[in-house]
C-alpha atoms as a PDB file:
ATOM      1  CA  MET A   1      88.270 106.601 103.274  1.00  0.00           C
ATOM      2  CA  ARG A   2      90.484 107.931 100.089  1.00  0.00           C
ATOM      3  CA  HIS A   3      93.930 108.473 101.260  1.00  0.00           C
ATOM      4  CA  PRO A   4      94.385 111.949 101.910  1.00  0.00           C
ATOM      5  CA  VAL A   5      97.265 112.675  99.197  1.00  0.00           C
ATOM      6  CA  SER A   6      95.593 110.987  96.571  1.00  0.00           C
ATOM      7  CA  ALA A   7      92.430 113.374  97.175  1.00  0.00           C
ATOM      8  CA  ILE A   8      94.279 116.555  96.442  1.00  0.00           C
ATOM      9  CA  HIS A   9      95.466 115.443  93.107  1.00  0.00           C
ATOM     10  CA  SER A  10      91.486 115.568  92.759  1.00  0.00           C
ATOM     11  CA  LEU A  11      91.147 119.060  93.469  1.00  0.00           C
ATOM     12  CA  ARG A  12      89.993 121.257  90.752  1.00  0.00           C
ATOM     13  CA  ARG A  13      90.567 125.112  92.212  1.00  0.00           C
ATOM     14  CA  PRO A  14      91.308 128.406  90.696  1.00  0.00           C
ATOM     15  CA  ARG A  15      94.228 128.804  89.021  1.00  0.00           C
ATOM     16  CA  LEU A  16      94.854 132.278  91.303  1.00  0.00           C
ATOM     17  CA  LEU A  17      94.170 130.581  94.186  1.00  0.00           C
ATOM     18  CA  VAL A  18      96.659 127.706  93.534  1.00  0.00           C
ATOM     19  CA  SER A  19      99.061 129.946  92.878  1.00  0.00           C
ATOM     20  CA  ALA A  20      98.689 132.578  96.006  1.00  0.00           C
ATOM     21  CA  ALA A  21      98.827 129.318  98.014  1.00  0.00           C
ATOM     22  CA  ARG A  22     102.259 128.186  96.279  1.00  0.00           C
ATOM     23  CA  PHE A  23     103.232 131.734  97.379  1.00  0.00           C
ATOM     24  CA  ALA A  24     102.305 131.422 100.783  1.00  0.00           C
ATOM     25  CA  LEU A  25     103.851 127.739 100.831  1.00  0.00           C
ATOM     26  CA  THR A  26     107.425 129.323 100.744  1.00  0.00           C
ATOM     27  CA  ASP A  27     106.800 131.179 104.359  1.00  0.00           C
ATOM     28  CA  TYR A  28     104.887 127.903 106.058  1.00  0.00           C
ATOM     29  CA  GLN A  29     106.113 127.040 109.711  1.00  0.00           C
ATOM     30  CA  ARG A  30     104.366 124.149 110.825  1.00  0.00           C
ATOM     31  CA  GLU A  31     104.286 125.203 114.446  1.00  0.00           C
ATOM     32  CA  ILE A  32     102.856 128.428 113.594  1.00  0.00           C
ATOM     33  CA  SER A  33     101.236 127.730 110.144  1.00  0.00           C
ATOM     34  CA  LEU A  34      99.076 125.198 111.267  1.00  0.00           C
ATOM     35  CA  ARG A  35      97.398 125.804 114.243  1.00  0.00           C
ATOM     36  CA  LEU A  36      96.727 129.316 112.499  1.00  0.00           C
ATOM     37  CA  ALA A  37      94.898 126.749 109.232  1.00  0.00           C
ATOM     38  CA  LEU A  38      93.485 124.724 111.747  1.00  0.00           C
ATOM     39  CA  ARG A  39      91.972 127.341 113.957  1.00  0.00           C
ATOM     40  CA  GLY A  40      88.594 126.631 115.053  1.00  0.00           C
ATOM     41  CA  HIS A  41      89.030 123.032 113.917  1.00  0.00           C
ATOM     42  CA  HIS A  42      91.548 121.559 116.691  1.00  0.00           C
ATOM     43  CA  ASP A  43      92.647 121.929 119.668  1.00  0.00           C
ATOM     44  CA  GLY A  44      95.532 120.517 121.821  1.00  0.00           C
ATOM     45  CA  ALA A  45      98.714 119.310 120.288  1.00  0.00           C
ATOM     46  CA  LEU A  46      99.326 119.553 116.966  1.00  0.00           C
ATOM     47  CA  PRO A  47      98.415 116.336 115.293  1.00  0.00           C
ATOM     48  CA  GLY A  48     100.872 114.255 112.431  1.00  0.00           C
ATOM     49  CA  PRO A  49     100.806 115.132 109.195  1.00  0.00           C
ATOM     50  CA  ALA A  50      98.530 112.214 107.982  1.00  0.00           C
ATOM     51  CA  ASP A  51      96.170 113.528 110.493  1.00  0.00           C
ATOM     52  CA  ALA A  52      96.211 117.428 109.712  1.00  0.00           C
ATOM     53  CA  LEU A  53      96.405 116.682 105.886  1.00  0.00           C
ATOM     54  CA  ALA A  54      92.444 114.811 106.596  1.00  0.00           C
ATOM     55  CA  LEU A  55      91.005 117.683 108.460  1.00  0.00           C
ATOM     56  CA  LEU A  56      92.720 120.441 106.251  1.00  0.00           C
ATOM     57  CA  LEU A  57      90.628 118.676 103.801  1.00  0.00           C
ATOM     58  CA  GLU A  58      87.821 118.952 105.351  1.00  0.00           C
ATOM     59  CA  ILE A  59      87.990 122.582 106.009  1.00  0.00           C
ATOM     60  CA  GLU A  60      89.170 123.759 102.612  1.00  0.00           C
ATOM     61  CA  ALA A  61      86.599 121.677 101.446  1.00  0.00           C
ATOM     62  CA  GLY A  62      83.706 123.969 103.382  1.00  0.00           C
ATOM     63  CA  LEU A  63      85.701 126.678 102.546  1.00  0.00           C
ATOM     64  CA  ASP A  64      85.662 126.310  98.293  1.00  0.00           C
ATOM     65  CA  ALA A  65      82.001 125.586  99.020  1.00  0.00           C
ATOM     66  CA  LEU A  66      81.796 128.882 100.099  1.00  0.00           C
ATOM     67  CA  ARG A  67      83.533 130.307  97.755  1.00  0.00           C
ATOM     68  CA  ARG A  68      81.473 128.266  94.824  1.00  0.00           C
ATOM     69  CA  GLY A  69      78.258 129.787  96.372  1.00  0.00           C
ATOM     70  CA  ARG A  70      79.408 133.219  96.338  1.00  0.00           C
ATOM     71  CA  ASP A  71      79.120 133.315 100.132  1.00  0.00           C
ATOM     72  CA  ALA A  72      79.883 136.602 101.806  1.00  0.00           C
ATOM     73  CA  ALA A  73      81.827 135.126 104.673  1.00  0.00           C
ATOM     74  CA  TRP A  74      84.400 133.584 102.068  1.00  0.00           C
ATOM     75  CA  ARG A  75      87.697 135.070 102.701  1.00  0.00           C
ATOM     76  CA  PRO A  76      90.068 134.285  99.995  1.00  0.00           C
ATOM     77  CA  ALA A  77      93.045 135.218 102.557  1.00  0.00           C
ATOM     78  CA  ARG A  78      91.673 132.125 104.553  1.00  0.00           C
ATOM     79  CA  HIS A  79      91.022 130.046 101.696  1.00  0.00           C
ATOM     80  CA  VAL A  80      95.026 130.424 100.323  1.00  0.00           C
ATOM     81  CA  MET A  81      96.561 129.997 103.928  1.00  0.00           C
ATOM     82  CA  VAL A  82      94.454 126.354 104.059  1.00  0.00           C
ATOM     83  CA  LEU A  83      95.512 125.656 100.688  1.00  0.00           C
ATOM     84  CA  SER A  84      99.081 126.610 101.702  1.00  0.00           C
ATOM     85  CA  ALA A  85      98.758 124.458 104.575  1.00  0.00           C
ATOM     86  CA  VAL A  86      97.342 121.745 102.396  1.00  0.00           C
ATOM     87  CA  MET A  87     100.322 121.245 100.332  1.00  0.00           C
ATOM     88  CA  ALA A  88     103.159 121.451 103.138  1.00  0.00           C
ATOM     89  CA  GLU A  89     101.518 118.514 104.762  1.00  0.00           C
ATOM     90  CA  ALA A  90     101.235 116.639 101.653  1.00  0.00           C
ATOM     91  CA  ARG A  91     104.677 116.680 100.732  1.00  0.00           C
ATOM     92  CA  LEU A  92     105.165 115.784 104.507  1.00  0.00           C
ATOM     93  CA  VAL A  93     102.511 112.575 104.405  1.00  0.00           C
ATOM     94  CA  ASP A  94     103.985 111.841 100.767  1.00  0.00           C
ATOM     95  CA  ALA A  95     108.042 112.390 101.965  1.00  0.00           C
ATOM     96  CA  ALA A  96     107.409 110.346 105.364  1.00  0.00           C
ATOM     97  CA  GLU A  97     105.275 107.147 102.925  1.00  0.00           C
ATOM     98  CA  GLN A  98     109.108 107.375 100.836  1.00  0.00           C
ATOM     99  CA  ALA A  99     110.780 107.004 103.749  1.00  0.00           C
ATOM    100  CA  LYS A 100     108.915 103.811 104.213  1.00  0.00           C
ATOM    101  CA  THR A 101     110.080 102.757 100.857  1.00  0.00           C
ATOM    102  CA  SER A 102     112.906 104.009 100.315  1.00  0.00           C
ATOM    103  CA  ALA A 103     116.465 101.771  99.934  1.00  0.00           C
ATOM    104  CA  TRP A 104     117.695 101.659 103.276  1.00  0.00           C
ATOM    105  CA  GLY A 105     114.092 100.637 104.862  1.00  0.00           C
ATOM    106  CA  GLY A 106     112.144  99.074 102.507  1.00  0.00           C
ATOM    107  CA  PRO A 107     111.118  96.053 101.182  1.00  0.00           C
ATOM    108  CA  ALA A 108     114.433  95.105  99.162  1.00  0.00           C
ATOM    109  CA  GLN A 109     115.961  95.267 102.363  1.00  0.00           C
ATOM    110  CA  VAL A 110     113.315  93.425 104.872  1.00  0.00           C
ATOM    111  CA  ARG A 111     113.789  90.759 101.736  1.00  0.00           C
ATOM    112  CA  ALA A 112     117.805  90.834 102.253  1.00  0.00           C
ATOM    113  CA  GLU A 113     117.807  90.421 105.634  1.00  0.00           C
ATOM    114  CA  ALA A 114     115.128  87.520 105.898  1.00  0.00           C
ATOM    115  CA  VAL A 115     117.314  85.531 103.594  1.00  0.00           C
ATOM    116  CA  ALA A 116     119.233  83.365 106.096  1.00  0.00           C
ATOM    117  CA  PRO A 117     123.015  84.135 105.071  1.00  0.00           C
ATOM    118  CA  PRO A 118     125.065  81.733 102.982  1.00  0.00           C
ATOM    119  CA  PRO A 119     126.822  78.609 104.772  1.00  0.00           C
ATOM    120  CA  PRO A 120     130.350  79.491 105.008  1.00  0.00           C
ATOM    121  CA  GLY A 121     132.975  79.370 101.988  1.00  0.00           C
ATOM    122  CA  GLN A 122     129.966  80.550  99.265  1.00  0.00           C
ATOM    123  CA  PRO A 123     129.551  83.638  98.234  1.00  0.00           C
ATOM    124  CA  ASP A 124     126.610  86.300  99.143  1.00  0.00           C
ATOM    125  CA  ALA A 125     125.575  85.962  95.796  1.00  0.00           C
ATOM    126  CA  ILE A 126     122.031  86.428  96.945  1.00  0.00           C
ATOM    127  CA  PHE A 127     122.315  89.589  99.080  1.00  0.00           C
ATOM    128  CA  ALA A 128     123.636  91.080  95.567  1.00  0.00           C
ATOM    129  CA  ALA A 129     120.934  90.036  93.851  1.00  0.00           C
ATOM    130  CA  VAL A 130     118.596  92.178  95.342  1.00  0.00           C
ATOM    131  CA  PRO A 131     118.438  95.436  94.075  1.00  0.00           C
ATOM    132  CA  PRO A 132     117.375  98.538  96.202  1.00  0.00           C
ATOM    133  CA  HIS A 133     113.671  99.530  96.229  1.00  0.00           C
ATOM    134  CA  GLY A 134     113.403 101.191  92.996  1.00  0.00           C
ATOM    135  CA  ALA A 135     116.536 100.915  90.878  1.00  0.00           C
ATOM    136  CA  PRO A 136     116.510  99.337  87.576  1.00  0.00           C
ATOM    137  CA  VAL A 137     117.366  95.157  88.018  1.00  0.00           C
ATOM    138  CA  ALA A 138     120.149  94.248  85.485  1.00  0.00           C
ATOM    139  CA  ALA A 139     119.423  91.486  83.109  1.00  0.00           C
ATOM    140  CA  PRO A 140     121.088  88.020  83.867  1.00  0.00           C
END
């Protein structure tokens, strides 16, 4: 299965539908909006952002099939609501992934902590040589 955030990049939807969803995104309140978007597909406690995104992508695919088939059951307002929830949850998933690889907790920090401290009297050159994740590395 593809990663949900990468699946979003392959979506092709009408420009008006996407711009309406972006406009609706300004009023997105996760507790309320996500419950409404998942209505009929999920009961109980709200899922985490990644699980919610996967559910929302399934719902959106069904709505898009209705739209493409010109089915009378397709409701533009519902489609806009689900698309805006997809956008909001994708931002949350993306932010969580970036936080995992940030300079404060990412791979560079783990490497620095995994190296044994230098013997007494030796400079901490090894710790200075490990740049934060994503920082440009200076030539020696």
